[in-house]
Amino acid sequence: MGLLSGMMGNASKLDPRAAASEFGRLLAQGEQLHAAYQLVRDSFLFTDRRLILVDKQGMTGKKVEYHSVPYRAITQFSVETAGHFDLDAELKIWVSSSDVPISKQFGKGVDVYEVQALLAAFVAR
C-alpha cells in the first residue's frame, strides 16, 4: 500500500494468510477469513460469519477496538467505482441499528467488484 494512499484513507488489500496470522485470535472456532483490507493502522476483515472492523487508537496504537458486524445485521450496501478524476472507490454498509452507513474508501488497486461479491454472498444467505 502506498503511504500517501493510506494517509488519504484509502484501503489496500492484505494477504489473507498474513491477516489470519495477525488476527487469528479474533476468529471463532471454524471461522474462516476470506479477505482483509488495511488503512494506515486500521483494518477490516471479511470472514464467513461477519465483518470485523479493527480500529487502532492513540499515538502508539496499543489501544484497539474490534467492532464485529454479523452479516445478518447488514440491511444494505453500496459500492461506488472509481472514475477518471476520482481515483478511489467507496464501500458503504448500513447496519440495522444505525441510519449512518459505515464507509470505507479503496485505493485504485483494490477490486471493488470482489468486495461487492463477498458482501453479496454473505449478506444474501
Protein backbone atom coordinates (compact mmCIF):
# COMPACT_ATOMS: atom_id res chain seq x y z
CA MET A 1 0.00 0.00 0.00
CA GLY A 2 1.31 3.45 -0.80
CA LEU A 3 1.80 5.67 2.23
CA LEU A 4 0.06 8.60 0.54
CA SER A 5 -2.93 6.41 -0.35
CA GLY A 6 -3.13 5.16 3.25
CA MET A 7 -2.89 8.67 4.67
CA MET A 8 -5.78 9.72 2.44
CA GLY A 9 -7.94 6.99 3.98
CA ASN A 10 -7.80 4.51 1.11
CA ALA A 11 -7.64 0.83 1.92
CA SER A 12 -5.43 -1.72 0.22
CA LYS A 13 -5.80 -5.50 0.13
CA LEU A 14 -3.88 -7.66 2.61
CA ASP A 15 -2.71 -11.20 2.02
CA PRO A 16 -5.39 -13.36 3.74
CA ARG A 17 -2.78 -15.73 5.22
CA ALA A 18 -0.85 -12.86 6.79
CA ALA A 19 -4.09 -11.32 8.07
CA ALA A 20 -5.22 -14.69 9.50
CA SER A 21 -1.89 -14.96 11.29
CA GLU A 22 -2.16 -11.44 12.73
CA PHE A 23 -5.88 -11.52 13.63
CA GLY A 24 -6.39 -15.26 14.20
CA ARG A 25 -7.19 -14.74 17.89
CA LEU A 26 -10.33 -12.82 16.87
CA LEU A 27 -11.80 -15.72 14.94
CA ALA A 28 -14.22 -18.22 16.43
CA GLN A 29 -13.55 -21.91 16.10
CA GLY A 30 -14.11 -22.92 12.48
CA GLU A 31 -14.47 -19.29 11.29
CA GLN A 32 -12.54 -18.55 8.10
CA LEU A 33 -11.06 -15.27 6.93
CA HIS A 34 -11.89 -14.63 3.25
CA ALA A 35 -10.46 -11.14 2.64
CA ALA A 36 -8.73 -8.35 4.54
CA TYR A 37 -8.04 -4.70 3.83
CA GLN A 38 -5.86 -2.19 5.66
CA LEU A 39 -5.74 1.56 6.10
CA VAL A 40 -2.62 3.07 7.71
CA ARG A 41 -3.19 1.29 11.05
CA ASP A 42 -6.81 0.19 10.85
CA SER A 43 -8.08 -2.94 9.12
CA PHE A 44 -11.32 -4.58 8.15
CA LEU A 45 -11.78 -8.29 7.74
CA PHE A 46 -14.39 -10.33 5.89
CA THR A 47 -14.94 -13.75 7.42
CA ASP A 48 -17.55 -16.35 6.53
CA ARG A 49 -19.65 -15.14 9.52
CA ARG A 50 -19.09 -11.40 9.99
CA LEU A 51 -17.31 -8.20 9.13
CA ILE A 52 -14.65 -7.19 11.69
CA LEU A 53 -13.52 -3.55 11.86
CA VAL A 54 -10.17 -3.08 13.62
CA ASP A 55 -9.58 0.47 14.92
CA LYS A 56 -6.15 1.15 16.42
CA GLN A 57 -6.37 4.21 18.64
CA GLY A 58 -3.97 6.71 20.17
CA MET A 59 -0.42 7.65 19.27
CA THR A 60 1.03 4.19 19.89
CA GLY A 61 -1.88 2.11 18.62
CA LYS A 62 -1.78 -0.08 21.73
CA LYS A 63 -5.47 0.54 22.41
CA VAL A 64 -7.52 -1.34 19.80
CA GLU A 65 -11.27 -1.56 19.23
CA TYR A 66 -12.62 -4.64 17.43
CA HIS A 67 -16.11 -3.96 16.04
CA SER A 68 -17.88 -7.11 14.87
CA VAL A 69 -20.86 -6.80 12.49
CA PRO A 70 -22.75 -10.03 11.79
CA TYR A 71 -23.80 -10.19 8.14
CA ARG A 72 -27.45 -10.66 9.20
CA ALA A 73 -27.33 -7.11 10.68
CA ILE A 74 -26.40 -5.57 7.33
CA THR A 75 -29.56 -4.17 5.73
CA GLN A 76 -28.00 -2.78 2.56
CA PHE A 77 -24.68 -1.89 0.98
CA SER A 78 -23.36 0.02 -2.00
CA VAL A 79 -20.12 0.05 -3.95
CA GLU A 80 -19.09 3.07 -5.98
CA THR A 81 -16.33 2.51 -8.52
CA ALA A 82 -13.50 4.94 -9.16
CA GLY A 83 -13.84 7.42 -12.03
CA HIS A 84 -11.33 9.24 -14.21
CA PHE A 85 -10.78 12.12 -11.80
CA ASP A 86 -11.91 10.39 -8.59
CA LEU A 87 -9.28 7.67 -8.18
CA ASP A 88 -10.74 5.87 -5.18
CA ALA A 89 -13.74 3.57 -4.90
CA GLU A 90 -16.10 3.62 -1.92
CA LEU A 91 -17.99 0.99 0.06
CA LYS A 92 -20.97 1.90 2.25
CA ILE A 93 -22.63 -0.57 4.60
CA TRP A 94 -25.84 0.13 6.50
CA VAL A 95 -26.40 -1.78 9.74
CA SER A 96 -29.89 -2.30 11.16
CA SER A 97 -29.15 -0.33 14.34
CA SER A 98 -27.89 2.84 12.60
CA ASP A 99 -29.04 5.31 9.95
CA VAL A 100 -25.44 6.32 9.19
CA PRO A 101 -23.53 3.89 6.97
CA ILE A 102 -20.08 2.50 7.67
CA SER A 103 -17.99 3.99 4.88
CA LYS A 104 -14.60 2.81 3.60
CA GLN A 105 -12.54 4.02 0.66
CA PHE A 106 -10.41 1.78 -1.53
CA GLY A 107 -7.31 2.69 -3.45
CA LYS A 108 -7.03 2.24 -7.19
CA GLY A 109 -5.52 -1.28 -6.94
CA VAL A 110 -8.42 -2.85 -5.00
CA ASP A 111 -11.04 -4.79 -6.96
CA VAL A 112 -14.29 -3.35 -5.56
CA TYR A 113 -16.25 -5.93 -7.53
CA GLU A 114 -14.57 -8.60 -5.40
CA VAL A 115 -15.64 -6.75 -2.23
CA GLN A 116 -19.20 -6.44 -3.55
CA ALA A 117 -19.28 -10.14 -4.45
CA LEU A 118 -18.10 -11.10 -0.93
CA LEU A 119 -20.82 -8.99 0.67
CA ALA A 120 -23.48 -10.26 -1.73
CA ALA A 121 -22.54 -13.86 -0.98
CA PHE A 122 -22.58 -13.43 2.80
CA VAL A 123 -25.45 -10.93 3.26
CA ALA A 124 -27.85 -12.75 0.92
CA ARG A 125 -27.70 -16.03 2.90
